[in-house]
Protein backbone atom coordinates (compact mmCIF):
# COMPACT_ATOMS: atom_id res chain seq x y z
CA MET A 1 -39.23 36.41 -54.31
CA GLN A 2 -41.06 37.11 -51.06
CA VAL A 3 -42.83 33.75 -51.30
CA MET A 4 -39.52 31.96 -51.70
CA ASN A 5 -38.05 33.87 -48.75
CA LYS A 6 -40.98 32.84 -46.60
CA ASN A 7 -40.62 29.22 -47.68
CA GLY A 8 -36.90 29.36 -46.92
CA MET A 9 -37.52 30.75 -43.46
CA ILE A 10 -40.09 28.03 -42.78
CA GLY A 11 -37.56 25.39 -43.87
CA VAL A 12 -34.89 26.79 -41.56
CA VAL A 13 -37.31 26.83 -38.63
CA LEU A 14 -38.29 23.22 -39.33
CA LEU A 15 -34.64 22.15 -39.49
CA VAL A 16 -33.89 23.88 -36.20
CA ALA A 17 -36.91 22.25 -34.59
CA VAL A 18 -35.90 18.82 -35.86
CA GLY A 19 -32.35 19.40 -34.59
CA ILE A 20 -33.59 20.42 -31.14
CA ALA A 21 -35.89 17.42 -30.99
CA GLY A 22 -33.06 15.10 -32.06
CA ALA A 23 -30.73 16.51 -29.44
CA ALA A 24 -33.39 16.15 -26.80
CA TRP A 25 -34.04 12.54 -27.84
CA TRP A 26 -30.31 11.74 -27.74
CA GLN A 27 -30.00 13.28 -24.29
CA VAL A 28 -32.98 11.30 -22.99
CA SER A 29 -31.67 8.07 -24.51
CA GLN A 30 -28.27 8.63 -22.96
CA GLU A 31 -29.79 9.31 -19.56
CA SER A 32 -31.96 6.21 -19.83
CA ALA A 33 -28.85 4.15 -20.64
CA VAL A 34 -27.33 5.14 -17.28
CA ILE A 35 -28.45 2.66 -14.64
CA ASP A 36 -29.11 3.99 -11.17
CA GLY A 37 -26.32 3.03 -8.74
CA ILE A 38 -24.10 1.72 -11.56
CA SER A 39 -21.11 3.57 -12.97
CA GLN A 40 -19.66 2.62 -16.32
CA SER A 41 -16.71 3.38 -18.56
CA ASN A 42 -15.16 1.92 -21.66
CA GLY A 43 -11.83 0.10 -21.67
CA ARG A 44 -9.87 -2.80 -23.13
CA ILE A 45 -9.05 -6.24 -21.84
CA GLU A 46 -5.41 -6.29 -20.79
CA ALA A 47 -3.15 -9.22 -19.96
CA GLU A 48 0.35 -9.46 -18.56
CA ARG A 49 3.06 -9.96 -21.15
CA ILE A 50 6.01 -12.20 -20.26
CA ALA A 51 9.25 -11.98 -22.22
CA VAL A 52 11.14 -15.28 -22.11
CA ALA A 53 14.77 -14.26 -22.60
CA THR A 54 18.08 -16.08 -22.73
CA LYS A 55 20.73 -15.53 -20.06
CA LEU A 56 23.40 -16.70 -22.50
CA ALA A 57 24.80 -15.14 -25.61
CA GLY A 58 24.98 -17.61 -28.47
CA ARG A 59 23.11 -19.39 -31.21
CA VAL A 60 19.45 -20.40 -30.94
CA ALA A 61 19.37 -24.17 -31.42
CA GLU A 62 15.61 -24.59 -31.76
CA VAL A 63 12.30 -22.92 -31.00
CA LEU A 64 9.68 -25.48 -30.02
CA VAL A 65 6.53 -23.35 -30.17
CA SER A 66 4.63 -21.27 -32.70
CA GLU A 67 2.63 -18.09 -32.30
CA GLY A 68 -0.79 -18.86 -30.87
CA ASP A 69 0.28 -22.06 -29.09
CA TRP A 70 -0.89 -22.64 -25.52
CA VAL A 71 1.99 -23.58 -23.21
CA GLN A 72 1.98 -24.95 -19.68
CA GLU A 73 4.09 -23.70 -16.81
CA GLY A 74 7.56 -25.28 -16.99
CA GLN A 75 7.19 -26.36 -20.61
CA THR A 76 10.37 -26.05 -22.67
CA ILE A 77 9.78 -23.52 -25.45
CA ALA A 78 13.29 -22.98 -26.86
CA ARG A 79 16.88 -24.19 -26.53
CA MET A 80 20.21 -22.47 -27.01
CA ASP A 81 23.23 -24.18 -28.59
CA THR A 82 25.32 -25.71 -25.78
CA LYS A 83 28.16 -27.45 -27.68
CA ASP A 84 30.83 -25.17 -26.20
CA LEU A 85 29.34 -25.51 -22.73
CA GLU A 86 29.20 -29.29 -23.01
CA ALA A 87 32.93 -29.32 -23.84
CA GLU A 88 33.58 -27.16 -20.76
CA LEU A 89 31.46 -29.55 -18.71
CA HIS A 90 33.51 -32.57 -19.82
CA GLN A 91 36.70 -30.72 -18.96
CA ALA A 92 35.35 -29.78 -15.53
CA GLN A 93 34.24 -33.37 -14.89
CA ALA A 94 37.73 -34.58 -15.84
CA THR A 95 39.19 -32.11 -13.35
CA VAL A 96 36.98 -33.61 -10.64
CA LEU A 97 38.30 -37.11 -11.42
CA GLN A 98 41.85 -35.80 -11.35
CA ALA A 99 41.27 -34.14 -7.99
CA GLN A 100 39.76 -37.34 -6.60
CA GLN A 101 42.86 -39.27 -7.67
CA GLN A 102 45.05 -36.67 -6.00
CA LYS A 103 43.08 -37.15 -2.82
CA LEU A 104 43.65 -40.92 -2.97
CA GLN A 105 47.36 -40.31 -3.47
CA ALA A 106 47.44 -37.86 -0.54
CA GLU A 107 45.71 -40.41 1.70
CA ALA A 108 48.12 -43.15 0.60
CA LEU A 109 51.08 -40.87 1.26
CA LEU A 110 49.70 -40.07 4.70
CA ARG A 111 49.44 -43.76 5.55
CA GLN A 112 53.03 -44.28 4.38
CA ARG A 113 54.32 -41.38 6.45
CA GLN A 114 52.41 -42.63 9.49
CA SER A 115 54.01 -46.07 9.04
CA GLU A 116 57.45 -44.47 8.79
CA LEU A 117 56.72 -42.47 11.93
CA THR A 118 55.74 -45.65 13.79
CA THR A 119 59.02 -47.27 12.74
CA ALA A 120 61.03 -44.18 13.74
CA GLN A 121 59.31 -44.04 17.13
CA ALA A 122 60.10 -47.72 17.79
CA ALA A 123 63.73 -47.26 16.74
CA PHE A 124 64.07 -44.16 18.90
CA SER A 125 62.67 -46.02 21.91
CA ARG A 126 65.19 -48.86 21.46
CA VAL A 127 68.18 -46.54 21.05
CA LYS A 128 67.09 -44.45 24.00
CA LYS A 129 66.84 -47.55 26.25
CA LEU A 130 70.26 -48.81 25.11
CA ALA A 131 71.79 -45.40 25.66
CA LYS A 132 70.34 -45.33 29.15
CA ASP A 133 71.88 -48.73 29.85
CA GLY A 134 75.24 -47.54 28.46
CA PHE A 135 75.23 -49.60 25.26
CA ASN A 136 74.72 -46.65 22.86
CA SER A 137 76.30 -43.23 22.74
CA GLN A 138 74.50 -39.90 22.95
CA ALA A 139 75.44 -39.27 19.33
CA GLN A 140 73.49 -42.30 18.20
CA LEU A 141 70.51 -41.14 20.24
CA ASP A 142 70.70 -37.68 18.64
CA VAL A 143 70.72 -39.20 15.16
CA GLN A 144 67.67 -41.28 15.93
CA GLN A 145 65.94 -38.22 17.38
CA THR A 146 66.53 -36.42 14.09
CA VAL A 147 65.03 -39.34 12.18
CA LEU A 148 61.99 -39.26 14.48
CA ASP A 149 61.56 -35.49 14.03
CA SER A 150 61.75 -35.86 10.25
CA ALA A 151 59.12 -38.62 10.31
CA GLN A 152 56.80 -36.46 12.42
CA ALA A 153 57.24 -33.52 10.00
CA ALA A 154 56.53 -35.78 7.05
CA VAL A 155 53.29 -36.94 8.70
CA ALA A 156 52.24 -33.34 9.33
CA ALA A 157 52.89 -32.46 5.69
CA ALA A 158 50.97 -35.50 4.47
CA GLU A 159 48.05 -34.65 6.76
CA ALA A 160 47.88 -31.13 5.24
CA GLY A 161 47.76 -32.66 1.77
CA VAL A 162 44.46 -34.48 2.42
CA PRO A 163 42.24 -31.41 3.12
CA LEU A 164 44.01 -29.62 0.26
CA ALA A 165 42.97 -32.45 -2.05
CA LYS A 166 39.40 -32.27 -0.69
CA ALA A 167 39.31 -28.53 -1.35
CA THR A 168 40.52 -29.15 -4.90
CA ILE A 169 37.67 -31.64 -5.40
CA ALA A 170 35.13 -29.15 -4.03
CA ALA A 171 36.40 -26.43 -6.39
CA ALA A 172 36.25 -28.81 -9.35
CA GLU A 173 32.73 -29.93 -8.44
CA ALA A 174 31.65 -26.29 -8.11
CA ALA A 175 32.98 -25.67 -11.61
CA VAL A 176 30.92 -28.61 -12.87
CA GLU A 177 27.80 -27.24 -11.16
CA GLY A 178 28.43 -23.80 -12.68
CA VAL A 179 28.74 -25.12 -16.21
CA GLN A 180 25.76 -27.43 -15.69
CA SER A 181 23.72 -24.45 -14.49
CA LEU A 182 24.56 -22.60 -17.70
CA ILE A 183 23.50 -25.63 -19.73
CA ASP A 184 20.23 -25.81 -17.78
CA ASP A 185 19.65 -22.10 -18.43
CA ALA A 186 20.07 -22.77 -22.13
CA SER A 187 16.73 -24.58 -22.00
CA LEU A 188 14.12 -21.80 -21.90
CA GLN A 189 10.96 -22.73 -20.05
CA ALA A 190 7.62 -20.99 -19.66
CA PRO A 191 7.49 -19.37 -16.20
CA ARG A 192 3.68 -19.50 -16.30
CA ALA A 193 0.93 -20.98 -18.41
CA GLY A 194 -0.10 -18.77 -21.29
CA ARG A 195 -0.39 -18.28 -25.02
CA VAL A 196 2.56 -17.56 -27.31
CA GLN A 197 2.12 -14.02 -28.57
CA TYR A 198 5.30 -13.54 -30.61
CA VAL A 199 8.26 -15.69 -31.65
CA LEU A 200 10.99 -13.07 -31.89
CA GLU A 201 14.03 -15.22 -32.72
CA HIS A 202 14.40 -18.40 -34.74
CA SER A 203 16.73 -21.40 -35.03
CA GLY A 204 20.22 -20.51 -36.17
CA GLU A 205 20.13 -16.87 -35.15
CA VAL A 206 22.91 -15.57 -32.90
CA VAL A 207 21.64 -13.41 -30.04
CA ALA A 208 23.09 -11.46 -27.14
CA ALA A 209 22.52 -12.25 -23.50
CA GLY A 210 19.14 -10.98 -22.33
CA THR A 211 17.52 -11.20 -25.76
CA SER A 212 13.82 -12.12 -25.71
CA ILE A 213 13.17 -15.27 -27.72
CA VAL A 214 9.42 -15.69 -27.15
CA THR A 215 6.72 -13.45 -25.70
CA LEU A 216 3.86 -15.03 -23.77
CA THR A 217 0.50 -13.62 -22.76
CA ASP A 218 -0.56 -14.69 -19.28
CA LEU A 219 -4.26 -15.33 -19.83
CA THR A 220 -4.75 -16.27 -16.17
CA ASN A 221 -4.24 -12.63 -15.18
CA MET A 222 -6.54 -10.44 -17.25
CA HIS A 223 -8.24 -7.19 -16.35
CA MET A 224 -9.90 -4.11 -17.78
CA THR A 225 -8.75 -0.63 -16.83
CA ILE A 226 -11.48 2.02 -16.75
CA PHE A 227 -11.58 5.63 -15.61
CA LEU A 228 -14.32 6.93 -13.33
CA PRO A 229 -15.08 10.41 -11.99
CA SER A 230 -14.23 11.18 -8.41
CA ARG A 231 -17.86 11.03 -7.24
CA ASP A 232 -18.00 7.34 -8.29
CA ALA A 233 -14.42 6.25 -7.62
CA GLY A 234 -14.62 7.61 -4.09
CA ARG A 235 -17.47 5.20 -3.28
CA LEU A 236 -15.71 2.08 -4.56
CA ALA A 237 -14.13 -0.51 -2.29
CA ILE A 238 -11.48 -3.05 -3.20
CA GLY A 239 -13.24 -6.33 -3.88
CA ALA A 240 -16.47 -4.70 -5.07
CA GLU A 241 -18.37 -6.60 -7.73
CA ALA A 242 -18.13 -5.50 -11.35
CA ARG A 243 -19.34 -6.57 -14.78
CA ILE A 244 -17.66 -6.48 -18.18
CA ILE A 245 -19.37 -6.53 -21.58
CA LEU A 246 -17.09 -6.93 -24.59
CA ASP A 247 -17.94 -5.40 -27.93
CA ALA A 248 -17.17 -8.68 -29.71
CA ILE A 249 -19.61 -10.70 -27.55
CA PRO A 250 -22.23 -8.26 -26.26
CA ASP A 251 -24.65 -11.04 -25.34
CA TYR A 252 -22.41 -12.24 -22.49
CA ILE A 253 -21.91 -10.56 -19.12
CA ILE A 254 -18.54 -11.35 -17.54
CA PRO A 255 -18.19 -11.10 -13.73
CA ALA A 256 -15.19 -9.25 -12.33
CA SER A 257 -14.08 -7.49 -9.17
CA VAL A 258 -12.43 -4.19 -8.34
CA THR A 259 -8.79 -4.91 -7.49
CA PHE A 260 -7.33 -1.41 -7.72
CA VAL A 261 -8.51 2.18 -7.34
CA SER A 262 -5.98 4.92 -7.95
CA SER A 263 -5.25 7.07 -4.92
CA THR A 264 -4.70 10.15 -7.08
CA ALA A 265 -6.48 11.63 -10.10
CA GLN A 266 -5.04 10.68 -13.49
CA PHE A 267 -5.62 14.16 -14.92
CA THR A 268 -6.64 17.34 -13.11
CA PRO A 269 -7.82 20.76 -14.37
CA LYS A 270 -5.48 23.66 -13.71
CA SER A 271 -7.84 25.11 -11.13
CA VAL A 272 -10.30 22.97 -9.24
CA GLU A 273 -12.82 25.18 -7.52
CA THR A 274 -16.37 24.37 -8.57
CA GLN A 275 -18.29 21.11 -8.21
CA GLU A 276 -18.44 20.77 -12.00
CA GLU A 277 -14.67 21.02 -12.29
CA ARG A 278 -14.14 18.53 -9.48
CA ASP A 279 -16.27 16.04 -11.41
CA LYS A 280 -13.68 16.15 -14.18
CA LEU A 281 -11.17 14.38 -11.93
CA MET A 282 -10.81 10.85 -13.27
CA PHE A 283 -9.45 7.92 -11.26
CA ARG A 284 -8.05 4.71 -12.69
CA VAL A 285 -9.91 1.55 -11.66
CA LYS A 286 -8.88 -2.02 -12.46
CA LEU A 287 -11.53 -4.71 -12.95
CA THR A 288 -9.96 -8.18 -12.68
CA ILE A 289 -11.53 -11.40 -13.94
CA ALA A 290 -11.22 -14.41 -11.61
CA PRO A 291 -8.34 -16.78 -12.60
CA GLU A 292 -10.57 -19.87 -12.35
CA LEU A 293 -13.03 -18.32 -14.81
CA LEU A 294 -10.21 -17.45 -17.20
CA ASN A 295 -8.88 -20.99 -16.97
CA ALA A 296 -12.29 -22.38 -17.89
CA TYR A 297 -12.46 -20.14 -20.99
CA LYS A 298 -8.75 -19.90 -21.82
CA ASP A 299 -9.36 -20.92 -25.44
CA ARG A 300 -11.64 -17.90 -25.88
CA ALA A 301 -9.68 -15.36 -23.84
CA ARG A 302 -8.15 -12.56 -25.90
CA ALA A 303 -6.25 -9.47 -24.85
CA GLY A 304 -6.94 -6.10 -26.43
CA VAL A 305 -10.68 -6.61 -26.95
CA PRO A 306 -12.60 -3.37 -26.24
CA GLY A 307 -15.70 -3.22 -24.11
CA VAL A 308 -17.46 -1.51 -21.22
CA GLY A 309 -16.88 -2.02 -17.52
CA TYR A 310 -19.65 -1.58 -14.95
CA VAL A 311 -19.20 -1.10 -11.21
CA ARG A 312 -21.85 -0.96 -8.53
CA VAL A 313 -21.24 2.18 -6.49
CA ASP A 314 -24.27 1.51 -4.29
CA ASP A 315 -23.93 -1.92 -2.62
CA SER A 316 -27.49 -1.77 -1.36
CA LEU A 317 -28.85 -2.03 -4.88
CA PRO A 318 -29.04 -5.41 -6.65
CA TRP A 319 -27.57 -5.86 -10.09
CA PRO A 320 -30.19 -5.09 -12.72
CA THR A 321 -31.45 -7.89 -14.93
CA GLU A 322 -29.57 -6.64 -17.98
CA LEU A 323 -26.28 -6.98 -16.06
CA GLU A 324 -26.79 -10.44 -14.60
CA VAL A 325 -23.92 -12.82 -15.32
CA ARG A 326 -24.27 -14.67 -18.62
CA LEU A 327 -21.41 -16.84 -19.87
CA PRO A 328 -20.94 -19.05 -22.93
CA GLN A 329 -21.98 -22.66 -22.44
């Protein structure tokens, strides 16, 4: 029994020794993985999501794209049913024609009233001259004055009818533009180039105003968000060079730049007093990939891919060989 106890003790000692050696090796390997002057953190590739929604309530006439399709800026991706709006448009256009005819009638009436006024003025002048010479009575002159006053009032009324007709035309044309704008809005277009992420509604479905029909991923605006301790984040400048290595393609080194450094810590210990505790302060940093690079590799760009972001906190140091830019050919 004593021999077995001794053997057991020796086994325990050996296990402890192996454990200590393994821990030491792991610690050394981790320290060797940290590159001098380079700070690193894991993250995921993120891209802006764009929800293409309808301003109109109604039936979806057709969806012209499928999930995974690449769309260009301004490309039509869906259409809403516009039969009711087209009927309103025809009615509004007919109102414009009616208002234009009313304007023509008002102008014709004005010309008629002006002609009548010219005749009344001539008649009044003749009667007035005859009355002055004693051939007509004052009563005849008064009658002709009344005719002249009536003709002048009729001209004034006809003149007011012309701008009223023009205003009616403007109102009718505005109604046409309003309905046409709704019809134009029924054609949903991609606000930016990107890839179709989800098709949320399909042809024939009735949706409310503001409902998202298609969701796009803007692959021209992609970045990785990482978190760095205060000692590293405090040394970063906007525009500083960065590198990204994705887990899916570890052989390639993607260039990026620092476009955002949080001004406040994302999480803070309850009491921050010692240097060790201050190092626990983590700041959010955004590493953005250049749009021209994304455009060149848009067929390979994917959001949500995990990886590691590297930032150079010491600008005086060159990038090490293992972090030199390497891109697919």
